[in-house]
Amino acid sequence: MQQVSGKVDFKLSYIGRVTEHDDGIECMHGQTECLGNILELCAASLYPDPKIYLGFTMCLTREFEDIPRKELVMDCALEHGLDFGKLNHCMSEDDGETGIKLLRDSVERSRNSNVTKSCTIRLDNKIRCIRDGGQWKDCEGGSAVKDMIRDINDLYE
């Protein structure tokens, strides 16, 4: 991302299901996953530079089993220069509806793009590569970082 952030419109999109219960969203691994996704989407909303919010996201992911423990979120926010108070406000604004809307929009974006596996990388509105079960799949052109950077640069030119 550091090498191509100026050339891509990067968006975090999560897989889930819009429902009539569970605050309107059901995440693949339950409500704590939804909370983590909302935290990450709040970070992306407040700090739109992917170099900033992706660092925060990766920090949370390293200890995903502890999400949404306050100390983890505060430590990751501090490490990546995010204001914990702003993240907390985003999570709780309008009785949580702001964060839920971010998650709902994200889930709908994934559904509308026919994304069903996490992690799916899309370039030029097409699936470029899928990481499923710890393995890269369907990566025409290669799955290494250099391969993706090459493809992004080729599209940009």
Protein backbone atom coordinates (compact mmCIF):
# COMPACT_ATOMS: atom_id res chain seq x y z
CA MET A 1 0.00 0.00 0.00
CA GLN A 2 2.89 2.35 0.70
CA GLN A 3 4.02 2.01 -2.91
CA VAL A 4 0.63 2.38 -4.62
CA SER A 5 -1.70 4.28 -2.27
CA GLY A 6 -1.85 7.26 -4.63
CA LYS A 7 -2.99 5.00 -7.46
CA VAL A 8 -5.77 3.01 -5.82
CA ASP A 9 -9.14 3.70 -4.28
CA PHE A 10 -8.76 1.22 -1.44
CA LYS A 11 -11.81 0.27 0.60
CA LEU A 12 -12.24 -2.19 3.42
CA SER A 13 -15.28 -4.30 2.72
CA TYR A 14 -16.47 -7.02 5.04
CA ILE A 15 -18.49 -10.14 4.46
CA GLY A 16 -21.70 -10.53 6.37
CA ARG A 17 -25.43 -10.54 5.98
CA VAL A 18 -28.02 -7.79 6.39
CA THR A 19 -30.69 -9.03 8.80
CA GLU A 20 -33.74 -7.90 10.71
CA HIS A 21 -31.93 -8.64 14.02
CA ASP A 22 -28.39 -8.31 15.46
CA ASP A 23 -28.44 -4.55 14.82
CA GLY A 24 -29.19 -5.34 11.19
CA ILE A 25 -25.89 -7.09 10.41
CA GLU A 26 -24.75 -10.65 11.01
CA CYS A 27 -21.00 -11.21 10.75
CA MET A 28 -19.39 -14.53 9.82
CA HIS A 29 -17.85 -14.98 13.28
CA GLY A 30 -20.42 -13.27 15.50
CA GLN A 31 -20.96 -9.92 17.14
CA THR A 32 -17.39 -9.40 18.36
CA GLU A 33 -16.25 -9.62 14.74
CA CYS A 34 -18.87 -7.00 13.87
CA LEU A 35 -17.48 -4.72 16.60
CA GLY A 36 -13.95 -5.14 15.26
CA ASN A 37 -15.13 -4.44 11.72
CA ILE A 38 -16.91 -1.29 12.89
CA LEU A 39 -13.78 -0.12 14.72
CA GLU A 40 -11.72 -0.60 11.55
CA LEU A 41 -14.33 1.14 9.38
CA CYS A 42 -14.48 4.04 11.85
CA ALA A 43 -10.69 4.33 11.60
CA ALA A 44 -10.94 4.35 7.79
CA SER A 45 -13.69 6.97 7.91
CA LEU A 46 -11.81 9.24 10.33
CA TYR A 47 -8.34 8.70 8.82
CA PRO A 48 -8.90 8.06 5.09
CA ASP A 49 -5.21 7.51 4.28
CA PRO A 50 -4.89 3.70 3.95
CA LYS A 51 -1.31 3.88 5.22
CA ILE A 52 -2.74 5.03 8.57
CA TYR A 53 -5.89 2.99 9.04
CA LEU A 54 -4.45 -0.24 7.62
CA GLY A 55 -1.72 -0.17 10.25
CA PHE A 56 -4.40 0.13 12.92
CA THR A 57 -6.40 -2.68 11.29
CA MET A 58 -3.37 -4.98 11.14
CA CYS A 59 -2.58 -4.20 14.78
CA LEU A 60 -6.07 -5.29 15.83
CA THR A 61 -5.92 -8.34 13.58
CA ARG A 62 -2.72 -9.59 15.22
CA GLU A 63 -4.74 -10.02 18.44
CA PHE A 64 -8.21 -10.49 16.94
CA GLU A 65 -9.29 -12.75 19.79
CA ASP A 66 -9.04 -9.73 22.14
CA ILE A 67 -11.26 -7.43 20.07
CA PRO A 68 -12.96 -5.24 21.36
CA ARG A 69 -10.91 -5.12 24.58
CA LYS A 70 -10.38 -1.43 25.36
CA GLU A 71 -6.64 -1.81 26.09
CA LEU A 72 -6.00 -3.42 22.71
CA VAL A 73 -7.89 -0.72 20.84
CA MET A 74 -6.16 2.05 22.81
CA ASP A 75 -2.70 0.51 22.25
CA CYS A 76 -3.28 0.09 18.50
CA ALA A 77 -4.70 3.61 18.22
CA LEU A 78 -1.69 5.06 20.03
CA GLU A 79 0.76 3.01 17.95
CA HIS A 80 -0.73 4.34 14.70
CA GLY A 81 -1.57 7.90 15.71
CA LEU A 82 -5.35 7.58 15.91
CA ASP A 83 -7.41 9.40 18.52
CA PHE A 84 -9.13 6.80 20.70
CA GLY A 85 -11.80 9.34 21.70
CA LYS A 86 -12.74 9.89 18.05
CA LEU A 87 -12.92 6.14 17.43
CA ASN A 88 -15.09 5.69 20.50
CA HIS A 89 -17.36 8.54 19.39
CA CYS A 90 -17.76 6.96 15.93
CA MET A 91 -18.65 3.62 17.56
CA SER A 92 -21.26 5.14 19.89
CA GLU A 93 -22.63 8.07 17.87
CA ASP A 94 -26.41 7.96 17.44
CA ASP A 95 -26.62 4.93 19.76
CA GLY A 96 -24.19 3.07 17.51
CA GLU A 97 -26.09 3.70 14.29
CA THR A 98 -23.15 5.53 12.66
CA GLY A 99 -20.90 2.49 13.00
CA ILE A 100 -23.66 0.07 12.03
CA LYS A 101 -24.28 2.09 8.86
CA LEU A 102 -20.59 1.93 7.98
CA LEU A 103 -20.67 -1.84 8.43
CA ARG A 104 -23.95 -2.26 6.54
CA ASP A 105 -22.59 -0.23 3.60
CA SER A 106 -19.40 -2.31 3.66
CA VAL A 107 -21.29 -5.64 3.69
CA GLU A 108 -23.54 -4.46 0.86
CA ARG A 109 -20.48 -3.35 -1.17
CA SER A 110 -19.03 -6.86 -0.80
CA ARG A 111 -22.32 -8.48 -1.76
CA ASN A 112 -22.78 -6.20 -4.78
CA SER A 113 -19.25 -7.12 -5.92
CA ASN A 114 -19.95 -10.86 -5.52
CA VAL A 115 -17.25 -11.16 -2.88
CA THR A 116 -17.78 -14.21 -0.69
CA LYS A 117 -14.26 -14.98 0.57
CA SER A 118 -12.06 -13.03 2.90
CA CYS A 119 -9.62 -11.83 1.69
CA THR A 120 -10.59 -10.96 -1.88
CA ILE A 121 -8.49 -8.43 -3.75
CA ARG A 122 -10.15 -6.64 -6.63
CA LEU A 123 -8.48 -4.53 -9.30
CA ASP A 124 -10.31 -2.65 -12.03
CA ASN A 125 -13.65 -3.97 -10.70
CA LYS A 126 -12.55 -7.59 -11.18
CA ILE A 127 -11.35 -10.20 -8.73
CA ARG A 128 -7.54 -10.25 -8.88
CA CYS A 129 -6.74 -12.73 -6.12
CA ILE A 130 -8.38 -14.60 -3.23
CA ARG A 131 -6.83 -15.75 0.03
CA ASP A 132 -8.84 -18.64 1.38
CA GLY A 133 -7.84 -21.00 4.15
CA GLY A 134 -4.38 -19.40 4.38
CA GLN A 135 -3.65 -20.00 0.68
CA TRP A 136 -3.71 -17.62 -2.28
CA LYS A 137 -6.03 -18.83 -5.08
CA ASP A 138 -7.11 -17.65 -8.51
CA CYS A 139 -4.19 -15.22 -8.74
CA GLU A 140 -3.56 -14.90 -12.45
CA GLY A 141 -0.28 -13.07 -12.74
CA GLY A 142 0.99 -14.19 -9.33
CA SER A 143 0.21 -13.59 -5.68
CA ALA A 144 3.39 -11.86 -4.52
CA VAL A 145 3.27 -8.21 -3.49
CA LYS A 146 5.47 -7.33 -6.48
CA ASP A 147 2.93 -8.99 -8.81
CA MET A 148 0.06 -6.92 -7.45
CA ILE A 149 2.11 -3.71 -7.57
CA ARG A 150 3.02 -4.47 -11.19
CA ASP A 151 -0.66 -4.97 -12.09
CA ILE A 152 -1.69 -1.76 -10.33
CA ASN A 153 1.04 0.18 -12.12
CA ASP A 154 0.02 -1.35 -15.45
CA LEU A 155 -3.59 -0.26 -14.91
CA TYR A 156 -2.57 3.21 -13.82
CA GLU A 157 -0.47 3.92 -16.92
